[in-house]
Amino acid sequence: VLGVSSERVVGAKCKAEIKIEIYNSDGCIGSEDLPYIFEKYRRADKSKKVSGTGLGLYIAKSIINLHYGNLTVVSSAEEGTTFTITMPLSKEIS
């Protein structure tokens, strides 16, 4: 659990995969932006004065996919935002 009360990280080992959830209750990603946040150069809220290139989530998802995992997000104003990473514990290459 992170030190900030509005954020939490939870991990669990399930069968042949590991699941990590990163939760933040301080805000949500708008439903109009949600389908696109893993694209290159995409910024969810262009009005915010936060620096960045919009590559972070694209790079994270690419790395996770290369390891046969998946990165998903669910976000709502009521529940906050949860990113879920699932990764296989092992991958047999044939």
N, C-alpha and C. Protein backbone atom coordinates (compact mmCIF):
# COMPACT_ATOMS: atom_id res chain seq x y z
N VAL A 1 0.85 -1.18 0.00
CA VAL A 1 0.00 0.00 0.00
C VAL A 1 0.89 1.23 0.00
N LEU A 2 0.59 2.18 -0.87
CA LEU A 2 1.37 3.40 -0.95
C LEU A 2 1.07 4.30 0.23
N GLY A 3 1.95 5.24 0.51
CA GLY A 3 1.77 6.16 1.62
C GLY A 3 0.66 7.17 1.41
N VAL A 4 0.27 7.44 0.20
CA VAL A 4 -0.78 8.41 -0.09
C VAL A 4 -2.12 7.69 0.05
N SER A 5 -3.03 8.28 0.83
CA SER A 5 -4.27 7.59 1.14
C SER A 5 -5.19 7.40 -0.06
N SER A 6 -5.05 8.20 -1.09
CA SER A 6 -5.95 8.09 -2.24
C SER A 6 -5.44 7.11 -3.30
N GLU A 7 -4.30 6.51 -3.08
CA GLU A 7 -3.73 5.56 -4.04
C GLU A 7 -3.46 4.24 -3.35
N ARG A 8 -3.56 3.15 -4.13
CA ARG A 8 -3.22 1.85 -3.56
C ARG A 8 -2.77 0.93 -4.68
N VAL A 9 -1.84 0.04 -4.34
CA VAL A 9 -1.35 -0.96 -5.28
C VAL A 9 -1.61 -2.32 -4.65
N VAL A 10 -2.25 -3.20 -5.40
CA VAL A 10 -2.59 -4.53 -4.90
C VAL A 10 -2.04 -5.55 -5.88
N GLY A 11 -1.41 -6.58 -5.37
CA GLY A 11 -0.90 -7.65 -6.22
C GLY A 11 -1.44 -8.99 -5.75
N ALA A 12 -1.67 -9.89 -6.68
CA ALA A 12 -2.16 -11.22 -6.33
C ALA A 12 -1.66 -12.22 -7.35
N LYS A 13 -1.33 -13.42 -6.88
CA LYS A 13 -0.93 -14.51 -7.76
C LYS A 13 -2.17 -15.38 -7.98
N CYS A 14 -2.59 -15.50 -9.22
CA CYS A 14 -3.79 -16.27 -9.58
C CYS A 14 -3.42 -17.31 -10.62
N LYS A 15 -3.52 -18.58 -10.25
CA LYS A 15 -3.23 -19.69 -11.16
C LYS A 15 -1.86 -19.49 -11.81
N ALA A 16 -1.82 -19.23 -13.11
CA ALA A 16 -0.55 -19.13 -13.82
C ALA A 16 -0.21 -17.69 -14.18
N GLU A 17 -0.80 -16.73 -13.48
CA GLU A 17 -0.49 -15.33 -13.78
C GLU A 17 -0.45 -14.51 -12.50
N ILE A 18 0.12 -13.34 -12.62
CA ILE A 18 0.13 -12.38 -11.54
C ILE A 18 -0.70 -11.19 -11.98
N LYS A 19 -1.43 -10.62 -11.04
CA LYS A 19 -2.29 -9.48 -11.33
C LYS A 19 -1.93 -8.35 -10.38
N ILE A 20 -1.68 -7.17 -10.96
CA ILE A 20 -1.33 -5.99 -10.18
C ILE A 20 -2.35 -4.90 -10.51
N GLU A 21 -2.96 -4.33 -9.49
CA GLU A 21 -3.91 -3.24 -9.69
C GLU A 21 -3.36 -1.98 -9.06
N ILE A 22 -3.38 -0.88 -9.81
CA ILE A 22 -2.95 0.42 -9.34
C ILE A 22 -4.18 1.31 -9.34
N TYR A 23 -4.56 1.78 -8.17
CA TYR A 23 -5.81 2.50 -7.98
C TYR A 23 -5.54 3.93 -7.51
N ASN A 24 -6.30 4.87 -8.05
CA ASN A 24 -6.22 6.27 -7.63
C ASN A 24 -7.63 6.83 -7.58
N SER A 25 -8.03 7.31 -6.41
CA SER A 25 -9.39 7.82 -6.25
C SER A 25 -9.49 9.32 -6.48
N ASP A 26 -8.38 9.98 -6.78
CA ASP A 26 -8.37 11.44 -6.90
C ASP A 26 -8.96 11.98 -8.19
N GLY A 27 -9.19 11.16 -9.16
CA GLY A 27 -9.73 11.67 -10.41
C GLY A 27 -10.05 10.54 -11.36
N CYS A 28 -10.65 10.92 -12.47
CA CYS A 28 -10.97 9.89 -13.46
C CYS A 28 -10.51 10.36 -14.83
N ILE A 29 -10.42 9.40 -15.73
CA ILE A 29 -10.10 9.67 -17.12
C ILE A 29 -11.43 9.75 -17.84
N GLY A 30 -11.66 10.81 -18.58
CA GLY A 30 -12.93 11.01 -19.26
C GLY A 30 -13.27 9.88 -20.21
N SER A 31 -14.55 9.56 -20.30
CA SER A 31 -14.98 8.44 -21.16
C SER A 31 -14.63 8.70 -22.62
N GLU A 32 -14.52 9.96 -23.03
CA GLU A 32 -14.14 10.26 -24.41
C GLU A 32 -12.66 10.00 -24.67
N ASP A 33 -11.84 10.01 -23.62
CA ASP A 33 -10.40 9.76 -23.76
C ASP A 33 -10.02 8.30 -23.51
N LEU A 34 -10.82 7.60 -22.75
CA LEU A 34 -10.48 6.25 -22.30
C LEU A 34 -10.09 5.28 -23.43
N PRO A 35 -10.80 5.24 -24.55
CA PRO A 35 -10.41 4.28 -25.61
C PRO A 35 -9.06 4.58 -26.26
N TYR A 36 -8.51 5.76 -26.02
CA TYR A 36 -7.31 6.20 -26.76
C TYR A 36 -6.07 6.38 -25.90
N ILE A 37 -6.15 6.16 -24.59
CA ILE A 37 -5.03 6.55 -23.73
C ILE A 37 -3.76 5.73 -23.93
N PHE A 38 -3.85 4.57 -24.57
CA PHE A 38 -2.66 3.76 -24.81
C PHE A 38 -2.02 4.04 -26.16
N GLU A 39 -2.54 5.02 -26.90
CA GLU A 39 -1.97 5.39 -28.19
C GLU A 39 -0.78 6.34 -27.98
N LYS A 40 0.13 6.33 -28.96
CA LYS A 40 1.28 7.24 -28.93
C LYS A 40 0.81 8.68 -28.90
N TYR A 41 1.49 9.48 -28.09
CA TYR A 41 1.31 10.93 -28.01
C TYR A 41 -0.08 11.35 -27.52
N ARG A 42 -0.82 10.45 -26.90
CA ARG A 42 -2.16 10.78 -26.42
C ARG A 42 -2.07 11.30 -24.99
N ARG A 43 -2.68 12.42 -24.75
CA ARG A 43 -2.77 13.01 -23.42
C ARG A 43 -4.25 13.08 -23.07
N ALA A 44 -4.63 12.56 -21.91
CA ALA A 44 -6.05 12.47 -21.55
C ALA A 44 -6.67 13.85 -21.38
N ASP A 45 -6.00 14.76 -20.72
CA ASP A 45 -6.57 16.09 -20.49
C ASP A 45 -5.56 17.13 -20.95
N LYS A 46 -5.79 17.67 -22.12
CA LYS A 46 -4.85 18.62 -22.71
C LYS A 46 -4.87 19.98 -22.02
N SER A 47 -5.89 20.22 -21.19
CA SER A 47 -5.98 21.52 -20.51
C SER A 47 -5.07 21.59 -19.29
N LYS A 48 -4.64 20.46 -18.76
CA LYS A 48 -3.78 20.46 -17.58
C LYS A 48 -2.39 20.97 -17.94
N LYS A 49 -1.80 21.67 -17.04
CA LYS A 49 -0.46 22.22 -17.25
C LYS A 49 0.59 21.25 -16.73
N VAL A 50 0.56 20.03 -17.24
CA VAL A 50 1.51 18.99 -16.85
C VAL A 50 2.38 18.67 -18.04
N SER A 51 3.69 18.65 -17.82
CA SER A 51 4.58 18.36 -18.93
C SER A 51 4.55 16.88 -19.26
N GLY A 52 4.95 16.55 -20.45
CA GLY A 52 5.01 15.16 -20.89
C GLY A 52 4.76 15.06 -22.38
N THR A 53 5.06 13.88 -22.90
CA THR A 53 4.92 13.67 -24.35
C THR A 53 3.72 12.82 -24.72
N GLY A 54 3.09 12.19 -23.73
CA GLY A 54 1.99 11.29 -24.04
C GLY A 54 2.47 9.91 -24.47
N LEU A 55 3.69 9.55 -24.09
CA LEU A 55 4.24 8.24 -24.46
C LEU A 55 4.23 7.23 -23.32
N GLY A 56 4.03 7.66 -22.09
CA GLY A 56 4.16 6.79 -20.93
C GLY A 56 3.31 5.54 -20.97
N LEU A 57 2.00 5.70 -21.15
CA LEU A 57 1.11 4.53 -21.16
C LEU A 57 1.33 3.68 -22.40
N TYR A 58 1.67 4.31 -23.52
CA TYR A 58 1.98 3.56 -24.75
C TYR A 58 3.18 2.65 -24.51
N ILE A 59 4.23 3.20 -23.92
CA ILE A 59 5.45 2.43 -23.66
C ILE A 59 5.17 1.32 -22.65
N ALA A 60 4.44 1.66 -21.57
CA ALA A 60 4.12 0.66 -20.55
C ALA A 60 3.35 -0.51 -21.15
N LYS A 61 2.32 -0.22 -21.93
CA LYS A 61 1.51 -1.28 -22.54
C LYS A 61 2.34 -2.10 -23.53
N SER A 62 3.21 -1.45 -24.29
CA SER A 62 4.07 -2.17 -25.24
C SER A 62 5.00 -3.15 -24.54
N ILE A 63 5.61 -2.71 -23.45
CA ILE A 63 6.52 -3.58 -22.69
C ILE A 63 5.76 -4.75 -22.09
N ILE A 64 4.61 -4.47 -21.51
CA ILE A 64 3.80 -5.53 -20.90
C ILE A 64 3.35 -6.53 -21.97
N ASN A 65 2.92 -6.04 -23.13
CA ASN A 65 2.50 -6.93 -24.22
C ASN A 65 3.66 -7.80 -24.71
N LEU A 66 4.87 -7.24 -24.77
CA LEU A 66 6.04 -8.03 -25.19
C LEU A 66 6.32 -9.20 -24.25
N HIS A 67 5.86 -9.06 -23.02
CA HIS A 67 6.04 -10.12 -22.02
C HIS A 67 4.77 -10.96 -21.88
N TYR A 68 3.91 -10.92 -22.92
CA TYR A 68 2.68 -11.70 -22.99
C TYR A 68 1.67 -11.32 -21.91
N GLY A 69 1.73 -10.08 -21.46
CA GLY A 69 0.80 -9.60 -20.45
C GLY A 69 -0.22 -8.66 -21.06
N ASN A 70 -1.00 -8.04 -20.19
CA ASN A 70 -2.04 -7.12 -20.63
C ASN A 70 -2.14 -5.97 -19.63
N LEU A 71 -2.42 -4.78 -20.12
CA LEU A 71 -2.64 -3.59 -19.31
C LEU A 71 -4.00 -3.02 -19.67
N THR A 72 -4.88 -2.90 -18.68
CA THR A 72 -6.22 -2.36 -18.91
C THR A 72 -6.49 -1.25 -17.91
N VAL A 73 -7.53 -0.47 -18.19
CA VAL A 73 -7.91 0.62 -17.30
C VAL A 73 -9.43 0.71 -17.22
N VAL A 74 -9.91 1.02 -16.02
CA VAL A 74 -11.32 1.30 -15.77
C VAL A 74 -11.35 2.60 -14.98
N SER A 75 -12.23 3.52 -15.38
CA SER A 75 -12.25 4.81 -14.73
C SER A 75 -13.66 5.37 -14.67
N SER A 76 -14.01 5.92 -13.51
CA SER A 76 -15.30 6.61 -13.36
C SER A 76 -15.15 7.66 -12.27
N ALA A 77 -15.97 8.68 -12.33
CA ALA A 77 -15.92 9.76 -11.34
C ALA A 77 -16.23 9.24 -9.94
N GLU A 78 -17.10 8.25 -9.84
CA GLU A 78 -17.49 7.70 -8.54
C GLU A 78 -16.43 6.79 -7.94
N GLU A 79 -15.78 5.99 -8.77
CA GLU A 79 -14.85 4.96 -8.29
C GLU A 79 -13.38 5.32 -8.44
N GLY A 80 -13.05 6.35 -9.22
CA GLY A 80 -11.65 6.66 -9.49
C GLY A 80 -11.14 5.85 -10.67
N THR A 81 -9.83 5.68 -10.74
CA THR A 81 -9.20 5.00 -11.87
C THR A 81 -8.40 3.81 -11.36
N THR A 82 -8.55 2.68 -12.05
CA THR A 82 -7.78 1.48 -11.73
C THR A 82 -7.11 0.96 -12.99
N PHE A 83 -5.79 0.87 -12.96
CA PHE A 83 -5.02 0.22 -14.01
C PHE A 83 -4.73 -1.20 -13.53
N THR A 84 -4.95 -2.18 -14.40
CA THR A 84 -4.70 -3.58 -14.05
C THR A 84 -3.68 -4.17 -15.02
N ILE A 85 -2.63 -4.74 -14.44
CA ILE A 85 -1.59 -5.42 -15.20
C ILE A 85 -1.72 -6.91 -14.89
N THR A 86 -1.85 -7.72 -15.93
CA THR A 86 -1.80 -9.18 -15.75
C THR A 86 -0.63 -9.71 -16.57
N MET A 87 0.15 -10.58 -15.92
CA MET A 87 1.34 -11.14 -16.57
C MET A 87 1.39 -12.63 -16.27
N PRO A 88 1.70 -13.44 -17.29
CA PRO A 88 1.87 -14.87 -17.03
C PRO A 88 3.11 -15.09 -16.17
N LEU A 89 3.04 -16.09 -15.30
CA LEU A 89 4.21 -16.41 -14.49
C LEU A 89 5.31 -17.06 -15.32
N SER A 90 4.92 -17.75 -16.38
CA SER A 90 5.90 -18.30 -17.31
C SER A 90 5.26 -18.41 -18.68
N LYS A 91 6.09 -18.36 -19.69
CA LYS A 91 5.62 -18.47 -21.07
C LYS A 91 6.52 -19.45 -21.78
N GLU A 92 5.94 -20.54 -22.24
CA GLU A 92 6.72 -21.51 -23.00
C GLU A 92 6.76 -21.08 -24.46
N ILE A 93 7.96 -21.03 -25.00
CA ILE A 93 8.14 -20.63 -26.40
C ILE A 93 8.39 -21.89 -27.21
N SER A 94 7.58 -22.08 -28.24
CA SER A 94 7.74 -23.29 -29.06
C SER A 94 8.43 -22.99 -30.36
